[in-house]
PDB file of N, CA and C in Angstrom:
ATOM      1  N   UNK A   1    -206.340  27.783  95.692  1.00  0.00           N
ATOM      2  CA  UNK A   1    -206.240  26.360  95.016  1.00  0.00           C
ATOM      3  C   UNK A   1    -207.577  26.293  94.474  1.00  0.00           C
ATOM      4  N   UNK A   2    -208.589  26.386  95.312  1.00  0.00           N
ATOM      5  CA  UNK A   2    -210.030  26.083  94.957  1.00  0.00           C
ATOM      6  C   UNK A   2    -210.504  26.833  93.737  1.00  0.00           C
ATOM      7  N   UNK A   3    -210.084  28.245  93.612  1.00  0.00           N
ATOM      8  CA  UNK A   3    -210.412  29.017  92.567  1.00  0.00           C
ATOM      9  C   UNK A   3    -209.776  28.387  91.281  1.00  0.00           C
ATOM     10  N   UNK A   4    -208.601  27.911  91.328  1.00  0.00           N
ATOM     11  CA  UNK A   4    -207.944  27.280  90.069  1.00  0.00           C
ATOM     12  C   UNK A   4    -208.656  25.969  89.775  1.00  0.00           C
ATOM     13  N   UNK A   5    -209.163  25.154  90.629  1.00  0.00           N
ATOM     14  CA  UNK A   5    -209.854  24.027  90.209  1.00  0.00           C
ATOM     15  C   UNK A   5    -211.186  24.434  89.586  1.00  0.00           C
ATOM     16  N   UNK A   6    -211.851  25.231  90.253  1.00  0.00           N
ATOM     17  CA  UNK A   6    -213.206  25.674  89.772  1.00  0.00           C
ATOM     18  C   UNK A   6    -213.071  26.347  88.184  1.00  0.00           C
ATOM     19  N   UNK A   7    -212.008  27.120  88.124  1.00  0.00           N
ATOM     20  CA  UNK A   7    -211.868  27.732  86.714  1.00  0.00           C
ATOM     21  C   UNK A   7    -211.543  26.756  85.791  1.00  0.00           C
ATOM     22  N   UNK A   8    -210.682  25.862  86.065  1.00  0.00           N
ATOM     23  CA  UNK A   8    -210.396  24.558  85.219  1.00  0.00           C
ATOM     24  C   UNK A   8    -211.639  23.822  84.790  1.00  0.00           C
ATOM     25  N   UNK A   9    -212.381  23.528  85.867  1.00  0.00           N
ATOM     26  CA  UNK A   9    -213.613  22.867  85.589  1.00  0.00           C
ATOM     27  C   UNK A   9    -214.760  23.551  84.755  1.00  0.00           C
ATOM     28  N   UNK A  10    -214.791  24.866  85.043  1.00  0.00           N
ATOM     29  CA  UNK A  10    -215.626  25.590  84.202  1.00  0.00           C
ATOM     30  C   UNK A  10    -215.060  25.898  82.865  1.00  0.00           C
ATOM     31  N   UNK A  11    -213.852  25.962  82.601  1.00  0.00           N
ATOM     32  CA  UNK A  11    -213.227  26.035  81.265  1.00  0.00           C
ATOM     33  C   UNK A  11    -213.478  24.798  80.502  1.00  0.00           C
ATOM     34  N   UNK A  12    -213.445  23.635  81.240  1.00  0.00           N
ATOM     35  CA  UNK A  12    -213.647  22.253  80.609  1.00  0.00           C
ATOM     36  C   UNK A  12    -215.107  22.234  80.209  1.00  0.00           C
ATOM     37  N   UNK A  13    -216.048  22.851  80.902  1.00  0.00           N
ATOM     38  CA  UNK A  13    -217.469  22.922  80.462  1.00  0.00           C
ATOM     39  C   UNK A  13    -217.643  23.624  79.447  1.00  0.00           C
ATOM     40  N   UNK A  14    -216.900  24.821  79.268  1.00  0.00           N
ATOM     41  CA  UNK A  14    -217.091  25.776  78.192  1.00  0.00           C
ATOM     42  C   UNK A  14    -216.497  25.032  76.945  1.00  0.00           C
ATOM     43  N   UNK A  15    -215.445  24.304  76.944  1.00  0.00           N
ATOM     44  CA  UNK A  15    -214.959  23.519  75.838  1.00  0.00           C
ATOM     45  C   UNK A  15    -215.805  22.489  75.520  1.00  0.00           C
ATOM     46  N   UNK A  16    -216.388  21.692  76.483  1.00  0.00           N
ATOM     47  CA  UNK A  16    -217.302  20.773  75.976  1.00  0.00           C
ATOM     48  C   UNK A  16    -218.548  21.255  75.364  1.00  0.00           C
ATOM     49  N   UNK A  17    -219.259  22.241  76.018  1.00  0.00           N
ATOM     50  CA  UNK A  17    -220.430  22.835  75.448  1.00  0.00           C
ATOM     51  C   UNK A  17    -220.138  23.542  74.122  1.00  0.00           C
ATOM     52  N   UNK A  18    -219.101  24.288  74.042  1.00  0.00           N
ATOM     53  CA  UNK A  18    -218.717  24.989  72.861  1.00  0.00           C
ATOM     54  C   UNK A  18    -218.500  24.032  71.558  1.00  0.00           C
ATOM     55  N   UNK A  19    -217.845  22.791  72.022  1.00  0.00           N
ATOM     56  CA  UNK A  19    -217.680  21.880  70.968  1.00  0.00           C
ATOM     57  C   UNK A  19    -219.071  21.308  70.477  1.00  0.00           C
ATOM     58  N   UNK A  20    -220.048  21.253  71.248  1.00  0.00           N
ATOM     59  CA  UNK A  20    -221.258  20.710  70.965  1.00  0.00           C
ATOM     60  C   UNK A  20    -222.101  21.758  69.964  1.00  0.00           C
ATOM     61  N   UNK A  21    -221.929  23.030  70.276  1.00  0.00           N
ATOM     62  CA  UNK A  21    -222.595  23.982  69.380  1.00  0.00           C
ATOM     63  C   UNK A  21    -221.659  24.635  68.198  1.00  0.00           C
ATOM     64  N   UNK A  22    -220.663  24.541  68.263  1.00  0.00           N
ATOM     65  CA  UNK A  22    -219.721  25.160  67.115  1.00  0.00           C
ATOM     66  C   UNK A  22    -219.319  23.901  66.214  1.00  0.00           C
ATOM     67  N   UNK A  23    -219.810  24.090  64.930  1.00  0.00           N
ATOM     68  CA  UNK A  23    -219.499  22.948  64.077  1.00  0.00           C
ATOM     69  C   UNK A  23    -217.937  22.983  63.732  1.00  0.00           C
ATOM     70  N   UNK A  24    -217.457  21.919  63.467  1.00  0.00           N
ATOM     71  CA  UNK A  24    -215.889  21.902  63.207  1.00  0.00           C
ATOM     72  C   UNK A  24    -215.205  21.709  64.322  1.00  0.00           C
ATOM     73  N   UNK A  25    -215.598  21.722  65.526  1.00  0.00           N
ATOM     74  CA  UNK A  25    -214.954  21.481  66.743  1.00  0.00           C
ATOM     75  C   UNK A  25    -215.505  20.252  67.461  1.00  0.00           C
ATOM     76  N   UNK A  26    -214.518  19.465  67.671  1.00  0.00           N
ATOM     77  CA  UNK A  26    -214.848  18.124  68.246  1.00  0.00           C
ATOM     78  C   UNK A  26    -214.210  17.819  69.563  1.00  0.00           C
ATOM     79  N   UNK A  27    -214.959  17.367  70.591  1.00  0.00           N
ATOM     80  CA  UNK A  27    -214.371  16.787  71.767  1.00  0.00           C
ATOM     81  C   UNK A  27    -215.120  15.444  72.188  1.00  0.00           C
ATOM     82  N   UNK A  28    -214.151  14.377  72.342  1.00  0.00           N
ATOM     83  CA  UNK A  28    -214.648  13.125  72.607  1.00  0.00           C
ATOM     84  C   UNK A  28    -215.547  12.964  73.778  1.00  0.00           C
ATOM     85  N   UNK A  29    -215.233  13.480  74.813  1.00  0.00           N
ATOM     86  CA  UNK A  29    -215.907  13.315  76.191  1.00  0.00           C
ATOM     87  C   UNK A  29    -215.455  14.511  77.032  1.00  0.00           C
ATOM     88  N   UNK A  30    -216.075  14.554  78.276  1.00  0.00           N
ATOM     89  CA  UNK A  30    -215.842  15.658  79.367  1.00  0.00           C
ATOM     90  C   UNK A  30    -214.487  15.379  79.827  1.00  0.00           C
ATOM     91  N   UNK A  31    -213.787  14.186  79.938  1.00  0.00           N
ATOM     92  CA  UNK A  31    -212.538  13.920  80.321  1.00  0.00           C
ATOM     93  C   UNK A  31    -211.549  14.473  79.384  1.00  0.00           C
ATOM     94  N   UNK A  32    -211.828  14.531  78.212  1.00  0.00           N
ATOM     95  CA  UNK A  32    -210.983  15.070  77.068  1.00  0.00           C
ATOM     96  C   UNK A  32    -211.026  16.581  77.212  1.00  0.00           C
ATOM     97  N   UNK A  33    -212.102  17.129  77.555  1.00  0.00           N
ATOM     98  CA  UNK A  33    -212.443  18.652  77.568  1.00  0.00           C
ATOM     99  C   UNK A  33    -211.600  19.034  78.959  1.00  0.00           C
ATOM    100  N   UNK A  34    -211.482  18.257  80.031  1.00  0.00           N
ATOM    101  CA  UNK A  34    -210.860  18.704  81.239  1.00  0.00           C
ATOM    102  C   UNK A  34    -209.339  18.766  80.949  1.00  0.00           C
ATOM    103  N   UNK A  35    -208.825  17.683  80.262  1.00  0.00           N
ATOM    104  CA  UNK A  35    -207.472  17.595  79.934  1.00  0.00           C
ATOM    105  C   UNK A  35    -207.128  18.796  78.930  1.00  0.00           C
ATOM    106  N   UNK A  36    -208.059  19.045  78.025  1.00  0.00           N
ATOM    107  CA  UNK A  36    -207.712  20.170  77.088  1.00  0.00           C
ATOM    108  C   UNK A  36    -207.594  21.318  77.873  1.00  0.00           C
ATOM    109  N   UNK A  37    -208.396  21.433  78.993  1.00  0.00           N
ATOM    110  CA  UNK A  37    -208.498  22.852  79.712  1.00  0.00           C
ATOM    111  C   UNK A  37    -207.291  22.893  80.440  1.00  0.00           C
ATOM    112  N   UNK A  38    -206.657  21.881  80.987  1.00  0.00           N
ATOM    113  CA  UNK A  38    -205.382  21.825  81.748  1.00  0.00           C
ATOM    114  C   UNK A  38    -204.135  22.282  80.762  1.00  0.00           C
ATOM    115  N   UNK A  39    -204.204  21.687  79.468  1.00  0.00           N
ATOM    116  CA  UNK A  39    -203.064  21.875  78.601  1.00  0.00           C
ATOM    117  C   UNK A  39    -203.272  23.324  78.132  1.00  0.00           C
ATOM    118  N   UNK A  40    -204.539  23.762  77.970  1.00  0.00           N
ATOM    119  CA  UNK A  40    -204.626  25.170  77.377  1.00  0.00           C
ATOM    120  C   UNK A  40    -204.131  26.191  78.492  1.00  0.00           C
ATOM    121  N   UNK A  41    -204.483  26.020  79.791  1.00  0.00           N
ATOM    122  CA  UNK A  41    -203.883  26.671  80.828  1.00  0.00           C
ATOM    123  C   UNK A  41    -202.426  26.805  80.878  1.00  0.00           C
ATOM    124  N   UNK A  42    -201.875  25.574  80.806  1.00  0.00           N
ATOM    125  CA  UNK A  42    -200.275  25.544  80.782  1.00  0.00           C
ATOM    126  C   UNK A  42    -199.685  26.227  79.533  1.00  0.00           C
ATOM    127  N   UNK A  43    -200.359  26.019  78.330  1.00  0.00           N
ATOM    128  CA  UNK A  43    -199.775  26.866  77.286  1.00  0.00           C
ATOM    129  C   UNK A  43    -200.035  28.415  77.301  1.00  0.00           C
ATOM    130  N   UNK A  44    -201.186  28.632  77.890  1.00  0.00           N
ATOM    131  CA  UNK A  44    -201.385  30.176  78.178  1.00  0.00           C
ATOM    132  C   UNK A  44    -200.575  30.754  79.301  1.00  0.00           C
ATOM    133  N   UNK A  45    -200.027  29.905  80.159  1.00  0.00           N
ATOM    134  CA  UNK A  45    -199.023  30.220  81.225  1.00  0.00           C
ATOM    135  C   UNK A  45    -197.718  30.403  80.812  1.00  0.00           C
ATOM    136  N   UNK A  46    -197.342  29.529  79.928  1.00  0.00           N
ATOM    137  CA  UNK A  46    -195.794  29.291  79.580  1.00  0.00           C
ATOM    138  C   UNK A  46    -195.440  29.864  78.225  1.00  0.00           C
ATOM    139  N   UNK A  47    -196.429  29.571  77.229  1.00  0.00           N
ATOM    140  CA  UNK A  47    -195.914  29.789  75.930  1.00  0.00           C
ATOM    141  C   UNK A  47    -196.552  31.111  75.342  1.00  0.00           C
ATOM    142  N   UNK A  48    -197.723  31.486  75.837  1.00  0.00           N
ATOM    143  CA  UNK A  48    -198.267  32.754  75.458  1.00  0.00           C
ATOM    144  C   UNK A  48    -197.464  33.966  75.763  1.00  0.00           C
ATOM    145  N   UNK A  49    -197.055  34.033  76.944  1.00  0.00           N
ATOM    146  CA  UNK A  49    -196.319  35.319  77.287  1.00  0.00           C
ATOM    147  C   UNK A  49    -194.962  35.596  76.135  1.00  0.00           C
ATOM    148  N   UNK A  50    -194.374  34.348  75.965  1.00  0.00           N
ATOM    149  CA  UNK A  50    -193.379  34.410  74.803  1.00  0.00           C
ATOM    150  C   UNK A  50    -193.851  34.913  73.514  1.00  0.00           C
ATOM    151  N   UNK A  51    -195.002  34.416  72.985  1.00  0.00           N
ATOM    152  CA  UNK A  51    -195.530  34.894  71.835  1.00  0.00           C
ATOM    153  C   UNK A  51    -195.912  36.382  71.858  1.00  0.00           C
ATOM    154  N   UNK A  52    -196.623  36.682  73.038  1.00  0.00           N
ATOM    155  CA  UNK A  52    -196.751  38.115  73.072  1.00  0.00           C
ATOM    156  C   UNK A  52    -195.643  38.833  72.969  1.00  0.00           C
ATOM    157  N   UNK A  53    -194.512  38.585  73.634  1.00  0.00           N
ATOM    158  CA  UNK A  53    -193.484  39.474  73.673  1.00  0.00           C
ATOM    159  C   UNK A  53    -192.701  39.639  72.224  1.00  0.00           C
ATOM    160  N   UNK A  54    -192.754  38.400  71.506  1.00  0.00           N
ATOM    161  CA  UNK A  54    -192.080  38.624  70.052  1.00  0.00           C
ATOM    162  C   UNK A  54    -193.109  39.391  69.186  1.00  0.00           C
ATOM    163  N   UNK A  55    -194.304  39.130  69.471  1.00  0.00           N
ATOM    164  CA  UNK A  55    -195.328  39.750  68.473  1.00  0.00           C
ATOM    165  C   UNK A  55    -195.680  41.165  68.795  1.00  0.00           C
ATOM    166  N   UNK A  56    -195.033  41.749  69.941  1.00  0.00           N
ATOM    167  CA  UNK A  56    -195.371  43.084  70.466  1.00  0.00           C
ATOM    168  C   UNK A  56    -195.506  44.057  69.197  1.00  0.00           C
ATOM    169  N   UNK A  57    -194.577  44.133  68.392  1.00  0.00           N
ATOM    170  CA  UNK A  57    -194.622  45.361  67.382  1.00  0.00           C
ATOM    171  C   UNK A  57    -195.998  45.070  66.457  1.00  0.00           C
ATOM    172  N   UNK A  58    -196.293  43.921  65.959  1.00  0.00           N
ATOM    173  CA  UNK A  58    -197.417  43.748  65.213  1.00  0.00           C
ATOM    174  C   UNK A  58    -198.610  43.913  66.019  1.00  0.00           C
ATOM    175  N   UNK A  59    -198.539  43.474  67.311  1.00  0.00           N
ATOM    176  CA  UNK A  59    -199.821  43.799  68.140  1.00  0.00           C
ATOM    177  C   UNK A  59    -199.985  45.330  68.325  1.00  0.00           C
ATOM    178  N   UNK A  60    -199.134  46.194  68.292  1.00  0.00           N
ATOM    179  CA  UNK A  60    -199.167  47.410  68.339  1.00  0.00           C
ATOM    180  C   UNK A  60    -199.714  48.140  67.064  1.00  0.00           C
ATOM    181  N   UNK A  61    -199.182  47.519  65.737  1.00  0.00           N
ATOM    182  CA  UNK A  61    -199.664  47.977  64.615  1.00  0.00           C
ATOM    183  C   UNK A  61    -201.179  47.554  64.376  1.00  0.00           C
ATOM    184  N   UNK A  62    -201.588  46.572  64.896  1.00  0.00           N
ATOM    185  CA  UNK A  62    -202.838  46.017  64.700  1.00  0.00           C
ATOM    186  C   UNK A  62    -203.799  46.532  65.923  1.00  0.00           C
ATOM    187  N   UNK A  63    -203.397  47.279  66.735  1.00  0.00           N
ATOM    188  CA  UNK A  63    -204.146  47.862  67.814  1.00  0.00           C
ATOM    189  C   UNK A  63    -204.727  46.719  68.701  1.00  0.00           C
ATOM    190  N   UNK A  64    -203.923  45.784  68.887  1.00  0.00           N
ATOM    191  CA  UNK A  64    -204.176  44.588  69.874  1.00  0.00           C
ATOM    192  C   UNK A  64    -204.933  43.642  69.103  1.00  0.00           C
ATOM    193  N   UNK A  65    -205.414  43.636  67.916  1.00  0.00           N
ATOM    194  CA  UNK A  65    -206.126  42.575  67.328  1.00  0.00           C
ATOM    195  C   UNK A  65    -205.348  41.306  67.135  1.00  0.00           C
ATOM    196  N   UNK A  66    -204.103  41.400  66.931  1.00  0.00           N
ATOM    197  CA  UNK A  66    -203.168  40.215  66.797  1.00  0.00           C
ATOM    198  C   UNK A  66    -203.289  39.366  68.040  1.00  0.00           C
ATOM    199  N   UNK A  67    -203.656  39.790  69.120  1.00  0.00           N
ATOM    200  CA  UNK A  67    -203.794  38.900  70.409  1.00  0.00           C
ATOM    201  C   UNK A  67    -204.857  38.031  70.102  1.00  0.00           C
ATOM    202  N   UNK A  68    -205.814  38.186  69.478  1.00  0.00           N
ATOM    203  CA  UNK A  68    -206.930  37.248  68.970  1.00  0.00           C
ATOM    204  C   UNK A  68    -206.183  36.023  68.215  1.00  0.00           C
ATOM    205  N   UNK A  69    -205.185  36.305  67.454  1.00  0.00           N
ATOM    206  CA  UNK A  69    -204.543  35.306  66.518  1.00  0.00           C
ATOM    207  C   UNK A  69    -203.714  34.640  67.550  1.00  0.00           C
ATOM    208  N   UNK A  70    -203.160  35.099  68.536  1.00  0.00           N
ATOM    209  CA  UNK A  70    -202.328  34.328  69.455  1.00  0.00           C
ATOM    210  C   UNK A  70    -203.153  33.401  70.331  1.00  0.00           C
ATOM    211  N   UNK A  71    -204.364  33.943  70.752  1.00  0.00           N
ATOM    212  CA  UNK A  71    -205.417  33.221  71.448  1.00  0.00           C
ATOM    213  C   UNK A  71    -205.700  31.975  70.606  1.00  0.00           C
ATOM    214  N   UNK A  72    -206.215  32.052  69.332  1.00  0.00           N
ATOM    215  CA  UNK A  72    -206.496  31.001  68.354  1.00  0.00           C
ATOM    216  C   UNK A  72    -205.332  30.037  68.203  1.00  0.00           C
ATOM    217  N   UNK A  73    -204.061  30.556  68.220  1.00  0.00           N
ATOM    218  CA  UNK A  73    -202.946  29.669  68.045  1.00  0.00           C
ATOM    219  C   UNK A  73    -202.851  28.787  69.227  1.00  0.00           C
ATOM    220  N   UNK A  74    -203.056  29.319  70.487  1.00  0.00           N
ATOM    221  CA  UNK A  74    -203.105  28.555  71.648  1.00  0.00           C
ATOM    222  C   UNK A  74    -204.091  27.386  71.674  1.00  0.00           C
ATOM    223  N   UNK A  75    -205.272  27.741  71.138  1.00  0.00           N
ATOM    224  CA  UNK A  75    -206.421  26.650  71.032  1.00  0.00           C
ATOM    225  C   UNK A  75    -206.010  25.625  69.948  1.00  0.00           C
ATOM    226  N   UNK A  76    -205.391  26.037  68.749  1.00  0.00           N
ATOM    227  CA  UNK A  76    -205.056  25.062  67.813  1.00  0.00           C
ATOM    228  C   UNK A  76    -203.927  24.181  68.392  1.00  0.00           C
ATOM    229  N   UNK A  77    -202.973  24.661  69.107  1.00  0.00           N
ATOM    230  CA  UNK A  77    -201.914  23.973  69.588  1.00  0.00           C
ATOM    231  C   UNK A  77    -202.308  22.836  70.627  1.00  0.00           C
ATOM    232  N   UNK A  78    -203.390  23.365  71.381  1.00  0.00           N
ATOM    233  CA  UNK A  78    -204.070  22.361  72.385  1.00  0.00           C
ATOM    234  C   UNK A  78    -204.641  21.245  71.560  1.00  0.00           C
ATOM    235  N   UNK A  79    -205.282  21.680  70.647  1.00  0.00           N
ATOM    236  CA  UNK A  79    -205.977  20.505  69.674  1.00  0.00           C
ATOM    237  C   UNK A  79    -204.848  19.523  69.114  1.00  0.00           C
ATOM    238  N   UNK A  80    -203.830  20.226  68.853  1.00  0.00           N
ATOM    239  CA  UNK A  80    -202.827  19.246  68.226  1.00  0.00           C
ATOM    240  C   UNK A  80    -202.247  18.317  69.301  1.00  0.00           C
ATOM    241  N   UNK A  81    -202.062  18.576  70.611  1.00  0.00           N
ATOM    242  CA  UNK A  81    -201.555  17.897  71.494  1.00  0.00           C
ATOM    243  C   UNK A  81    -202.497  16.869  72.193  1.00  0.00           C
ATOM    244  N   UNK A  82    -203.815  17.081  72.158  1.00  0.00           N
ATOM    245  CA  UNK A  82    -204.747  16.317  72.867  1.00  0.00           C
ATOM    246  C   UNK A  82    -205.448  15.319  71.818  1.00  0.00           C
ATOM    247  N   UNK A  83    -205.373  14.114  72.031  1.00  0.00           N
ATOM    248  CA  UNK A  83    -206.209  13.228  71.214  1.00  0.00           C
ATOM    249  C   UNK A  83    -207.634  13.073  71.745  1.00  0.00           C
ATOM    250  N   UNK A  84    -208.626  13.278  70.780  1.00  0.00           N
ATOM    251  CA  UNK A  84    -210.008  13.503  71.023  1.00  0.00           C
ATOM    252  C   UNK A  84    -210.492  14.787  70.943  1.00  0.00           C
ATOM    253  N   UNK A  85    -209.690  15.683  70.809  1.00  0.00           N
ATOM    254  CA  UNK A  85    -210.124  17.177  70.677  1.00  0.00           C
ATOM    255  C   UNK A  85    -209.538  17.686  69.393  1.00  0.00           C
ATOM    256  N   UNK A  86    -210.541  17.908  68.634  1.00  0.00           N
ATOM    257  CA  UNK A  86    -210.097  18.410  67.033  1.00  0.00           C
ATOM    258  C   UNK A  86    -210.833  19.632  66.542  1.00  0.00           C
ATOM    259  N   UNK A  87    -209.963  20.403  65.707  1.00  0.00           N
ATOM    260  CA  UNK A  87    -210.622  21.572  65.184  1.00  0.00           C
ATOM    261  C   UNK A  87    -210.376  21.375  63.629  1.00  0.00           C
ATOM    262  N   UNK A  88    -211.590  21.401  62.940  1.00  0.00           N
ATOM    263  CA  UNK A  88    -211.464  20.916  61.563  1.00  0.00           C
ATOM    264  C   UNK A  88    -211.511  22.170  60.690  1.00  0.00           C
ATOM    265  N   UNK A  89    -211.866  23.409  61.229  1.00  0.00           N
ATOM    266  CA  UNK A  89    -211.945  24.535  60.306  1.00  0.00           C
ATOM    267  C   UNK A  89    -211.233  25.744  60.911  1.00  0.00           C
ATOM    268  N   UNK A  90    -210.657  26.337  60.198  1.00  0.00           N
ATOM    269  CA  UNK A  90    -209.792  27.506  60.693  1.00  0.00           C
ATOM    270  C   UNK A  90    -210.640  28.544  61.244  1.00  0.00           C
ATOM    271  N   UNK A  91    -211.763  28.722  60.449  1.00  0.00           N
ATOM    272  CA  UNK A  91    -212.666  29.875  60.880  1.00  0.00           C
ATOM    273  C   UNK A  91    -213.511  29.406  62.261  1.00  0.00           C
ATOM    274  N   UNK A  92    -213.888  28.321  62.349  1.00  0.00           N
ATOM    275  CA  UNK A  92    -214.687  27.860  63.457  1.00  0.00           C
ATOM    276  C   UNK A  92    -213.626  27.766  64.546  1.00  0.00           C
ATOM    277  N   UNK A  93    -212.383  27.342  64.307  1.00  0.00           N
ATOM    278  CA  UNK A  93    -211.341  27.416  65.409  1.00  0.00           C
ATOM    279  C   UNK A  93    -211.094  28.795  65.954  1.00  0.00           C
ATOM    280  N   UNK A  94    -211.202  29.828  65.201  1.00  0.00           N
ATOM    281  CA  UNK A  94    -211.055  31.121  65.572  1.00  0.00           C
ATOM    282  C   UNK A  94    -212.191  31.543  66.449  1.00  0.00           C
ATOM    283  N   UNK A  95    -213.488  31.231  66.017  1.00  0.00           N
ATOM    284  CA  UNK A  95    -214.667  31.430  66.747  1.00  0.00           C
ATOM    285  C   UNK A  95    -214.679  30.777  68.035  1.00  0.00           C
ATOM    286  N   UNK A  96    -214.185  29.432  68.165  1.00  0.00           N
ATOM    287  CA  UNK A  96    -214.058  28.776  69.343  1.00  0.00           C
ATOM    288  C   UNK A  96    -213.177  29.399  70.462  1.00  0.00           C
ATOM    289  N   UNK A  97    -211.976  30.010  69.775  1.00  0.00           N
ATOM    290  CA  UNK A  97    -211.030  30.630  70.575  1.00  0.00           C
ATOM    291  C   UNK A  97    -211.752  31.819  71.301  1.00  0.00           C
ATOM    292  N   UNK A  98    -212.400  32.621  70.598  1.00  0.00           N
ATOM    293  CA  UNK A  98    -213.056  33.858  71.068  1.00  0.00           C
ATOM    294  C   UNK A  98    -214.067  33.435  72.108  1.00  0.00           C
ATOM    295  N   UNK A  99    -214.828  32.338  71.886  1.00  0.00           N
ATOM    296  CA  UNK A  99    -215.688  31.841  72.964  1.00  0.00           C
ATOM    297  C   UNK A  99    -214.898  31.595  74.421  1.00  0.00           C
ATOM    298  N   UNK A 100    -213.763  30.938  74.169  1.00  0.00           N
ATOM    299  CA  UNK A 100    -212.941  30.476  75.295  1.00  0.00           C
ATOM    300  C   UNK A 100    -212.334  31.755  75.876  1.00  0.00           C
ATOM    301  N   UNK A 101    -211.911  32.710  75.159  1.00  0.00           N
ATOM    302  CA  UNK A 101    -211.315  33.913  75.642  1.00  0.00           C
ATOM    303  C   UNK A 101    -212.399  34.827  76.306  1.00  0.00           C
ATOM    304  N   UNK A 102    -213.551  34.829  75.735  1.00  0.00           N
ATOM    305  CA  UNK A 102    -214.653  35.693  76.420  1.00  0.00           C
ATOM    306  C   UNK A 102    -215.034  34.999  77.757  1.00  0.00           C
ATOM    307  N   UNK A 103    -215.201  33.700  77.764  1.00  0.00           N
ATOM    308  CA  UNK A 103    -215.522  32.927  78.966  1.00  0.00           C
ATOM    309  C   UNK A 103    -214.511  33.077  80.035  1.00  0.00           C
ATOM    310  N   UNK A 104    -213.126  33.096  79.562  1.00  0.00           N
ATOM    311  CA  UNK A 104    -212.153  33.181  80.686  1.00  0.00           C
ATOM    312  C   UNK A 104    -212.032  34.540  81.152  1.00  0.00           C
ATOM    313  N   UNK A 105    -212.340  35.658  80.343  1.00  0.00           N
ATOM    314  CA  UNK A 105    -212.575  36.876  80.964  1.00  0.00           C
ATOM    315  C   UNK A 105    -213.625  36.961  81.875  1.00  0.00           C
ATOM    316  N   UNK A 106    -214.776  36.465  81.554  1.00  0.00           N
ATOM    317  CA  UNK A 106    -215.802  36.477  82.578  1.00  0.00           C
ATOM    318  C   UNK A 106    -215.586  35.671  83.863  1.00  0.00           C
ATOM    319  N   UNK A 107    -215.004  34.493  83.679  1.00  0.00           N
ATOM    320  CA  UNK A 107    -214.468  33.791  84.889  1.00  0.00           C
ATOM    321  C   UNK A 107    -213.463  34.423  85.716  1.00  0.00           C
ATOM    322  N   UNK A 108    -212.649  35.280  85.192  1.00  0.00           N
ATOM    323  CA  UNK A 108    -211.603  36.058  85.807  1.00  0.00           C
ATOM    324  C   UNK A 108    -212.267  36.942  86.618  1.00  0.00           C
ATOM    325  N   UNK A 109    -213.292  37.668  86.181  1.00  0.00           N
ATOM    326  CA  UNK A 109    -214.074  38.538  87.027  1.00  0.00           C
ATOM    327  C   UNK A 109    -214.816  37.997  88.240  1.00  0.00           C
ATOM    328  N   UNK A 110    -215.098  36.696  88.198  1.00  0.00           N
ATOM    329  CA  UNK A 110    -215.741  36.170  89.305  1.00  0.00           C
ATOM    330  C   UNK A 110    -214.792  35.488  90.311  1.00  0.00           C
ATOM    331  N   UNK A 111    -213.592  34.955  89.902  1.00  0.00           N
ATOM    332  CA  UNK A 111    -212.656  34.175  90.584  1.00  0.00           C
ATOM    333  C   UNK A 111    -211.391  34.870  91.050  1.00  0.00           C
ATOM    334  N   UNK A 112    -211.187  36.144  90.543  1.00  0.00           N
ATOM    335  CA  UNK A 112    -210.039  36.871  91.040  1.00  0.00           C
ATOM    336  C   UNK A 112    -210.356  37.765  92.229  1.00  0.00           C
ATOM    337  N   UNK A 113    -209.595  37.640  93.239  1.00  0.00           N
ATOM    338  CA  UNK A 113    -209.714  38.335  94.362  1.00  0.00           C
ATOM    339  C   UNK A 113    -209.082  39.711  94.544  1.00  0.00           C
ATOM    340  N   UNK A 114    -208.672  40.179  93.444  1.00  0.00           N
ATOM    341  CA  UNK A 114    -207.925  41.585  93.510  1.00  0.00           C
ATOM    342  C   UNK A 114    -208.844  42.600  93.712  1.00  0.00           C
TER     343      UNK A 114
END
């Protein structure tokens, strides 16, 4: 449970700091970033596996690169649901999703006990 809370807090920090340095991504305050981290986590838990299942053939054809598009879609969906979190550019939204994906990968290495 503590690992989950720490990961959510660190993801919120990544969202807040990323929005500061990536033009076209706006976050109103840290509370909004924290809510966005929770919503992103929920979307990644429940919606992303379904998208990955249906996109499996195209993922194979693109040698896995289509997963980056799915990650970007999750970030755009989060921005759609959260007031105060906006992505104004497709390219910067994609860059922002790469930053979040990379940070999530690094965080999983520190917080997974497997």
